Protein backbone atom coordinates (compact mmCIF):
# COMPACT_ATOMS: atom_id res chain seq x y z
CA MET A 1 134.65 63.27 9.52
CA HIS A 2 136.79 60.49 7.53
CA ARG A 3 139.16 63.31 6.22
CA ILE A 4 140.68 63.99 9.68
CA PRO A 5 142.73 60.79 10.05
CA LEU A 6 143.84 61.26 6.42
CA PHE A 7 145.18 64.82 6.78
CA SER A 8 146.58 63.92 10.16
CA LEU A 9 148.48 61.20 8.66
CA ILE A 10 149.78 63.33 5.81
CA ASN A 11 151.02 66.04 8.25
CA LYS A 12 152.68 63.71 10.57
CA TYR A 13 155.78 63.50 8.37
CA ASP A 14 157.81 65.98 6.43
CA THR A 15 157.17 66.35 2.69
CA ALA A 16 160.54 64.71 1.92
CA ILE A 17 159.37 61.64 3.56
CA TRP A 18 156.11 61.53 1.39
CA VAL A 19 158.00 62.08 -1.85
CA ARG A 20 160.29 59.05 -0.85
CA VAL A 21 156.99 56.96 -0.29
CA ILE A 22 155.52 57.85 -3.59
CA GLY A 23 158.84 57.37 -5.42
CA THR A 24 159.35 54.27 -3.54
CA ILE A 25 156.06 52.79 -4.86
CA LEU A 26 156.70 53.96 -8.26
CA THR A 27 160.15 52.42 -8.70
CA SER A 28 159.54 49.36 -6.70
CA LEU A 29 156.48 48.55 -8.85
CA ALA A 30 158.56 48.94 -11.95
CA GLY A 31 161.58 47.33 -10.44
CA PHE A 32 159.65 44.25 -9.53
CA MET A 33 158.17 44.12 -13.08
CA MET A 34 161.63 43.91 -14.55
CA ARG A 35 163.69 42.06 -11.70
CA PRO A 36 162.11 38.40 -12.10
CA TYR A 37 162.44 38.41 -15.83
CA LEU A 38 165.67 40.15 -16.43
CA VAL A 39 167.71 36.86 -16.46
CA TYR A 40 165.27 35.46 -18.90
CA TYR A 41 165.54 38.60 -21.15
CA LEU A 42 169.60 38.38 -20.95
CA TYR A 43 169.37 34.54 -21.54
CA ASP A 44 167.48 35.14 -24.94
CA LYS A 45 169.57 38.16 -25.77
CA LEU A 46 172.85 36.30 -25.21
CA ASP A 47 172.15 33.25 -27.15
CA GLY A 48 171.08 31.02 -24.29
CA SER A 49 174.32 31.58 -22.15
CA ILE A 50 173.39 31.08 -18.54
CA LEU A 51 176.83 31.77 -17.10
CA LEU A 52 177.00 35.28 -19.07
CA SER A 53 173.45 36.00 -17.90
CA MET A 54 174.43 35.43 -14.23
CA LEU A 55 177.77 37.23 -14.41
CA ILE A 56 176.21 40.28 -16.05
CA VAL A 57 173.49 40.37 -13.34
CA GLY A 58 176.07 39.99 -10.53
CA LEU A 59 178.11 43.11 -11.90
CA GLN A 60 175.56 45.33 -10.37
CA PRO A 61 176.01 44.47 -6.72
CA LEU A 62 179.61 43.84 -7.25
CA CYS A 63 180.16 47.48 -8.60
CA GLY A 64 177.99 48.64 -5.66
CA ILE A 65 180.38 47.30 -3.09
CA PHE A 66 183.08 49.82 -4.22
CA VAL A 67 180.69 52.80 -4.71
CA ASN A 68 179.42 52.23 -1.21
CA LEU A 69 182.58 52.94 0.22
CA TYR A 70 182.26 57.00 -1.07
CA ALA A 71 178.76 57.31 -1.95
CA GLY A 72 177.78 58.07 2.00
CA SER A 73 180.77 60.29 2.52
CA LEU A 74 179.80 62.36 -0.73
CA SER A 75 176.33 62.99 0.71
CA ASP A 76 177.57 64.26 3.87
CA ARG A 77 179.85 66.63 2.04
CA TYR A 78 177.78 67.93 -0.88
CA GLY A 79 174.21 67.11 0.24
CA ARG A 80 171.49 64.47 0.18
CA LYS A 81 169.33 66.05 -2.76
CA PRO A 82 172.32 66.31 -5.45
CA MET A 83 173.32 62.61 -4.57
CA ILE A 84 169.78 61.39 -4.90
CA LEU A 85 169.16 63.19 -8.11
CA ALA A 86 172.23 61.82 -9.72
CA ALA A 87 171.42 58.29 -8.49
CA LEU A 88 167.96 58.24 -10.00
CA ILE A 89 169.17 59.87 -13.42
CA ILE A 90 171.94 57.38 -13.77
CA GLN A 91 169.57 54.46 -12.97
CA ALA A 92 167.21 55.74 -15.52
CA LEU A 93 169.82 55.96 -18.26
CA ALA A 94 171.09 52.28 -17.32
CA VAL A 95 167.50 50.77 -17.39
CA GLY A 96 166.76 52.60 -20.52
CA GLY A 97 169.83 51.29 -22.00
CA TYR A 98 168.42 47.65 -21.92
CA MET A 99 165.99 48.69 -24.74
CA PHE A 100 168.93 49.21 -27.23
CA ALA A 101 171.59 46.94 -26.10
CA SER A 102 172.33 43.61 -27.98
CA HIS A 103 175.94 42.75 -27.31
CA VAL A 104 177.72 41.50 -24.24
CA TRP A 105 179.93 44.52 -23.46
CA GLU A 106 176.87 46.63 -23.81
CA PHE A 107 174.74 44.66 -21.16
CA ALA A 108 177.91 44.66 -18.81
CA LEU A 109 178.41 48.33 -18.98
CA ILE A 110 174.70 48.73 -18.25
CA SER A 111 174.84 46.63 -15.30
CA ILE A 112 177.91 48.41 -13.90
CA VAL A 113 176.25 51.96 -14.39
CA ASN A 114 173.02 50.73 -12.73
CA GLY A 115 175.14 49.40 -9.80
CA ILE A 116 176.70 52.85 -9.49
CA GLY A 117 173.32 54.55 -9.46
CA HIS A 118 171.74 52.08 -6.95
CA ALA A 119 174.58 52.22 -4.55
CA MET A 120 174.61 56.27 -4.52
CA PHE A 121 170.82 56.41 -3.75
CA GLN A 122 170.33 54.49 -0.54
CA PRO A 123 172.99 56.15 1.88
CA ALA A 124 171.93 59.65 0.86
CA ALA A 125 168.10 58.63 1.07
CA ASN A 126 168.33 56.94 4.43
CA ALA A 127 170.69 59.80 5.98
CA GLN A 128 167.76 62.26 4.67
CA ILE A 129 165.30 60.23 6.96
CA SER A 130 167.80 60.76 9.89
CA ASP A 131 167.91 64.53 9.11
CA VAL A 132 164.29 65.21 9.28
CA VAL A 133 162.66 62.47 11.47
CA PRO A 134 162.98 62.37 15.28
CA GLU A 135 164.65 59.42 16.56
CA GLU A 136 161.48 57.89 18.25
CA LYS A 137 159.77 57.98 14.96
CA ARG A 138 162.63 56.73 12.59
CA ALA A 139 161.44 52.93 13.00
CA GLU A 140 158.01 53.82 12.06
CA VAL A 141 159.09 55.78 8.97
CA PHE A 142 161.54 53.04 8.03
CA ALA A 143 158.44 50.65 8.32
CA LEU A 144 156.37 52.97 6.00
CA LEU A 145 158.90 52.83 3.33
CA HIS A 146 159.10 49.26 3.60
CA THR A 147 155.37 49.04 3.08
CA ALA A 148 155.79 51.28 -0.04
CA LEU A 149 158.49 48.94 -1.37
CA ASN A 150 156.43 45.73 -0.93
CA MET A 151 153.66 47.33 -2.87
CA GLY A 152 155.94 46.67 -5.81
CA SER A 153 156.51 43.13 -4.78
CA ALA A 154 152.84 42.43 -4.31
CA PHE A 155 151.72 43.64 -7.82
CA GLY A 156 154.87 44.11 -10.08
CA PRO A 157 155.68 40.49 -10.72
CA LEU A 158 152.29 39.48 -12.11
CA LEU A 159 152.17 42.86 -14.15
CA GLY A 160 155.60 42.12 -15.37
CA LEU A 161 154.62 38.49 -16.45
CA LEU A 162 151.88 40.12 -18.70
CA LEU A 163 154.10 42.76 -20.05
CA PHE A 164 157.09 40.52 -20.71
CA THR A 165 154.98 37.97 -22.66
CA TRP A 166 153.65 40.93 -24.83
CA ASN A 167 156.79 43.09 -25.27
CA PRO A 168 159.73 43.12 -22.90
CA THR A 169 160.80 46.68 -23.96
CA ILE A 170 157.60 48.05 -22.31
CA ILE A 171 159.05 47.03 -18.95
CA PHE A 172 162.37 48.77 -19.30
CA LEU A 173 160.42 51.78 -20.62
CA SER A 174 158.28 51.75 -17.75
CA CYS A 175 161.17 51.64 -15.28
CA THR A 176 162.83 54.47 -16.91
CA VAL A 177 159.71 56.58 -16.74
CA ALA A 178 159.33 55.73 -13.08
CA LEU A 179 162.90 56.76 -12.10
CA LEU A 180 162.56 60.03 -13.91
CA ALA A 181 159.18 60.93 -12.37
CA TYR A 182 160.84 60.24 -9.08
CA ALA A 183 163.78 62.53 -9.91
CA TRP A 184 161.11 65.36 -10.88
CA LEU A 185 159.22 64.91 -7.63
CA VAL A 186 162.66 65.44 -5.64
CA ILE A 187 163.54 68.56 -7.66
CA TRP A 188 159.96 69.91 -7.25
CA LYS A 189 159.17 69.17 -3.43
CA VAL A 190 162.40 68.07 -1.63
CA PRO A 191 164.73 70.58 -0.01
CA GLU A 192 168.21 70.04 1.02
CA THR A 193 168.20 68.42 4.54
CA LEU A 194 171.87 68.17 5.33
CA PRO A 195 172.30 69.59 8.75
CA VAL A 196 173.50 73.11 8.98
CA GLN A 197 176.27 72.39 11.23
CA SER A 198 177.59 69.79 8.80
CA THR A 199 177.47 72.31 6.06
CA GLU A 200 179.60 74.75 8.14
CA GLN A 201 182.21 71.91 8.76
CA LYS A 202 182.83 71.10 4.96
CA ALA A 203 186.09 73.20 4.98
CA ALA A 204 187.07 71.50 8.36
CA ALA A 205 186.18 67.85 7.04
CA LYS A 206 188.56 68.19 4.12
CA SER A 207 191.53 68.62 6.41
CA LYS A 208 190.49 65.92 8.72
CA PRO A 209 192.54 62.62 8.90
CA LYS A 210 191.53 59.66 7.16
CA ILE A 211 188.85 57.71 8.93
CA ARG A 212 190.04 55.09 11.33
CA TRP A 213 188.05 51.98 11.09
CA ARG A 214 188.62 51.09 14.97
CA ASP A 215 186.66 54.14 15.85
CA HIS A 216 183.51 52.79 14.21
CA LYS A 217 183.51 49.32 15.65
CA PRO A 218 179.84 49.19 16.28
CA LEU A 219 178.99 49.99 12.81
CA LEU A 220 181.33 47.32 11.56
CA TRP A 221 180.06 44.62 13.81
CA ILE A 222 176.33 45.46 13.30
CA THR A 223 177.17 45.29 9.57
CA LEU A 224 178.99 42.02 9.56
CA LEU A 225 176.31 40.33 11.85
CA MET A 226 173.57 41.51 9.44
CA MET A 227 175.14 39.68 6.47
CA PRO A 228 173.65 35.91 7.22
CA VAL A 229 169.98 37.74 6.94
CA SER A 230 171.13 39.38 3.58
CA VAL A 231 172.48 36.12 2.33
CA LEU A 232 169.00 34.47 3.15
CA TYR A 233 167.44 37.14 0.86
CA ALA A 234 170.09 36.35 -1.72
CA GLN A 235 169.20 32.75 -1.84
CA VAL A 236 165.56 33.57 -2.00
CA GLU A 237 166.48 35.32 -5.22
CA THR A 238 168.57 32.48 -6.60
CA THR A 239 168.82 29.02 -5.26
CA PHE A 240 165.42 28.95 -3.65
CA PRO A 241 163.58 28.81 -6.86
CA LEU A 242 165.83 25.80 -8.03
CA HIS A 243 165.17 24.05 -4.69
CA LEU A 244 161.45 24.57 -5.37
CA GLN A 245 161.78 23.13 -8.81
CA GLN A 246 162.95 19.75 -7.42
CA HIS A 247 159.89 19.60 -5.17
CA PHE A 248 157.00 21.25 -7.05
CA GLU A 249 155.86 20.65 -10.70
CA ASN A 250 154.45 24.17 -10.95
CA TYR A 251 157.40 25.85 -9.13
CA LYS A 252 157.06 29.00 -11.02
CA THR A 253 153.68 29.54 -9.77
CA VAL A 254 154.69 28.60 -6.29
CA PHE A 255 157.37 31.04 -6.32
CA ALA A 256 155.35 33.79 -7.71
CA THR A 257 152.62 33.17 -5.29
CA ILE A 258 155.17 33.30 -2.43
CA ILE A 259 156.33 36.76 -3.54
CA THR A 260 153.01 38.03 -3.81
CA PHE A 261 151.98 36.77 -0.49
CA ASN A 262 154.93 38.34 1.19
CA GLY A 263 154.16 41.65 -0.40
CA CYS A 264 150.54 41.53 0.49
CA VAL A 265 151.23 40.73 4.25
CA VAL A 266 153.73 43.62 4.59
CA ILE A 267 151.27 45.97 3.11
CA ALA A 268 148.62 44.81 5.60
CA LEU A 269 150.73 44.62 8.78
CA GLN A 270 153.98 46.64 8.48
CA LEU A 271 152.80 49.91 10.00
CA TRP A 272 150.66 48.10 12.71
CA ILE A 273 153.76 46.03 13.75
CA ALA A 274 156.06 49.16 13.71
CA LYS A 275 153.59 51.24 15.88
CA ARG A 276 153.28 48.07 18.28
CA THR A 277 157.14 47.69 18.58
CA GLU A 278 158.35 51.36 18.51
CA HIS A 279 158.79 51.33 22.27
CA ILE A 280 160.29 47.79 22.67
CA THR A 281 164.12 47.84 23.26
CA PRO A 282 165.63 47.20 19.84
CA TYR A 283 168.03 44.24 20.90
CA ILE A 284 164.93 42.35 21.78
CA ILE A 285 163.03 42.91 18.47
CA ILE A 286 166.29 42.12 16.40
CA ALA A 287 166.80 38.92 18.26
CA VAL A 288 163.22 37.76 17.76
CA SER A 289 163.65 38.56 14.05
CA TYR A 290 166.83 36.59 13.77
CA LEU A 291 165.17 33.56 15.36
CA LEU A 292 162.33 33.78 12.84
CA PHE A 293 164.83 34.00 10.09
CA ALA A 294 166.53 30.83 11.43
CA VAL A 295 163.28 28.90 11.37
CA VAL A 296 162.39 30.14 7.92
CA SER A 297 165.66 28.86 6.45
CA ILE A 298 165.18 25.56 7.75
CA GLY A 299 161.66 25.70 6.70
CA TYR A 300 162.58 26.51 3.19
CA GLY A 301 164.97 23.44 3.15
CA PHE A 302 162.72 20.85 4.65
CA VAL A 303 159.01 21.90 4.05
CA PRO A 304 157.64 19.97 0.90
CA ILE A 305 153.93 21.10 1.18
CA PHE A 306 152.61 24.23 -0.39
CA ALA A 307 150.30 25.25 2.48
CA TRP A 308 153.18 24.80 5.11
CA LEU A 309 155.44 26.86 2.88
CA LEU A 310 152.98 29.74 2.96
CA VAL A 311 153.16 29.48 6.89
CA VAL A 312 157.04 29.63 6.43
CA GLU A 313 156.73 32.63 4.44
CA PHE A 314 154.49 34.37 6.85
CA LEU A 315 157.23 33.81 9.32
CA PHE A 316 159.65 35.28 7.06
CA THR A 317 157.55 38.23 6.39
CA ILE A 318 157.12 38.96 10.09
CA GLY A 319 161.00 38.64 10.66
CA GLU A 320 161.43 41.02 7.88
CA MET A 321 158.97 43.61 9.14
CA LEU A 322 160.81 43.48 12.73
CA ASN A 323 164.14 43.49 11.42
CA GLY A 324 164.40 46.14 8.82
CA PRO A 325 162.93 49.15 10.43
CA HIS A 326 164.57 48.65 13.78
CA ILE A 327 168.15 47.72 12.48
CA GLN A 328 167.94 50.84 10.46
CA LYS A 329 166.96 52.77 13.46
CA VAL A 330 170.00 51.47 15.32
CA ILE A 331 172.40 52.79 12.60
CA SER A 332 170.67 56.08 12.54
CA VAL A 333 171.19 56.48 16.31
CA ILE A 334 174.83 55.32 16.35
CA ALA A 335 175.54 57.66 13.51
CA PRO A 336 177.43 60.93 14.13
CA GLU A 337 175.31 63.71 12.62
CA ASP A 338 177.97 64.62 10.12
CA GLN A 339 178.47 61.04 8.88
CA ARG A 340 174.97 59.68 8.61
CA GLY A 341 175.34 59.13 4.87
CA TRP A 342 178.73 57.32 5.30
CA TYR A 343 177.27 55.00 8.00
CA PHE A 344 174.43 54.21 6.05
CA SER A 345 176.55 53.46 2.93
CA ILE A 346 178.89 51.06 5.00
CA PHE A 347 176.04 49.33 6.39
CA GLY A 348 174.45 48.97 2.92
CA MET A 349 177.58 46.84 1.90
CA ASN A 350 176.10 43.83 3.76
CA TRP A 351 173.51 43.82 0.98
CA GLN A 352 175.84 44.41 -1.68
CA VAL A 353 178.39 41.85 -0.50
CA SER A 354 175.73 39.22 -0.06
CA ARG A 355 174.00 39.75 -3.38
CA ALA A 356 177.36 39.47 -5.13
CA LEU A 357 178.76 36.33 -3.18
CA GLY A 358 175.87 34.65 -1.62
CA PRO A 359 174.55 33.17 -4.84
CA VAL A 360 178.06 31.67 -5.70
CA LEU A 361 178.37 30.22 -2.18
CA GLY A 362 174.95 29.07 -1.93
CA GLY A 363 175.18 27.57 -5.53
CA LEU A 364 178.14 25.55 -4.46
CA LEU A 365 176.46 24.07 -1.42
CA PHE A 366 173.13 23.48 -3.39
CA SER A 367 175.05 21.68 -6.29
CA HIS A 368 177.07 19.53 -3.99
CA TYR A 369 174.83 18.80 -1.07
CA GLY A 370 171.31 19.88 -1.96
CA GLY A 371 168.89 22.42 -0.45
CA LYS A 372 168.23 21.01 2.73
CA VAL A 373 171.84 21.09 3.93
CA MET A 374 172.36 24.57 2.38
CA PHE A 375 169.34 26.07 4.15
CA GLY A 376 169.95 24.10 7.32
CA ILE A 377 173.55 25.34 7.61
CA LEU A 378 172.26 28.84 7.15
CA GLY A 379 169.80 28.50 9.76
CA VAL A 380 172.45 27.61 12.19
CA ILE A 381 174.55 30.65 11.13
CA LEU A 382 171.46 32.86 11.64
CA VAL A 383 170.91 31.64 15.23
CA ILE A 384 174.53 32.30 16.12
CA ALA A 385 174.68 35.68 14.32
CA GLY A 386 171.26 36.56 16.10
CA ILE A 387 172.52 35.88 19.66
CA ALA A 388 175.76 38.04 18.82
CA GLN A 389 173.93 40.97 17.29
CA SER A 390 171.35 41.18 20.04
CA ARG A 391 174.02 40.94 22.74
CA TYR A 392 176.18 43.74 20.96
CA ILE A 393 173.18 46.00 20.48
CA ARG A 394 172.19 45.59 24.15
CA GLY A 395 175.65 46.47 25.28
CA LEU A 396 175.53 49.68 22.97
CA ASN A 397 172.14 50.46 24.55
CA ARG A 398 173.79 50.08 28.22
CA ASN A 399 176.57 52.38 27.39
CA GLN A 400 174.33 54.84 25.73
CA GLU A 401 172.32 55.04 29.03
CA GLU A 402 175.41 55.30 31.16
CA SER A 403 176.56 58.11 29.14
CA ARG A 404 173.44 59.93 29.28
CA ALA A 405 173.25 59.42 33.13
CA LYS A 406 176.73 60.93 33.47
CA ALA A 407 175.85 63.93 31.51
CA VAL A 408 172.71 64.38 33.62
CA LEU A 409 174.83 64.25 36.82
CA GLN A 410 177.43 66.65 35.44
CA ALA A 411 174.73 69.14 34.38
């Protein structure tokens, strides 16, 4: 009797989706084992140079900004599967390189190569979802992937702490194996999903004029207005731990607990929230998420009590679960069928830009004015961006409804 719901869930989605889920669990677990301790590893290897460590870590998203401009277009032209495979293998080689590197230029090269692989993966993988999942189910699938991602954040940091204390090389080896295992699953189980009509248009695409940015204003505005959210994420990974250090003696434990709490809540609630909100108009969901992020930013700056900080983190997690799947669904809907990879690559640049520049800008504000001012300013920006984003997406929905009505009348 209990097998029926399980088989029903498995059969609900394409095999490519389940490979993505399994691969995300593998790579996110390995990634969260490595990510919190990579700076410490570089710090030790580079003779205690904080500046060099931060610069090397920052090379990955900085490189990703430029790769993102082309990665999506390549997946639209040559297919999703080749790009996904190339991205996973490149990342595996880069992460494995940490086990052997000892000089500054070697670490810098590894970070650049890893940035290339990471930037190649997301546009092709997200476009693949748009290829095989109906529009009304995309938010639910993106939520499923978000749940898989947070399995890594729930368990990875604690496992990574144990392995880092024992032997850091084991962490890099685990990440390499996870990436190669994911690549093997893609080879074995995932077919090419690039729409047939897009394949037929390859020759025509080569002769098309260059893309005119003014023809893609919705994509550009949504990407721009998403940046305050990704800047908040960037601060959580960089300046927020320093802010905690000023208010808590056991700040490392506090920070690790917050990350684990976030991951556990996502695992418990993400699919339920996605199911309950899939029929709600996206602009309403996105407006609520931005409001929650604004409250969270102010809470990060002004809440000095651990119990209340967990409440703030709960609000952050709810905002995260609302925003991520629905904003990605909006991108999948506005993207032309033959440009899905390119659309997701451009949208993904908001994360790359924020991860590259956000810590620098946040660090300047933090060092001169403190965490309260920095997070307070970011909270105000999030309110303004949320209003603008919601109104803009509402306008897009209205235009789409009018276009559909005209099409029905003409038919």
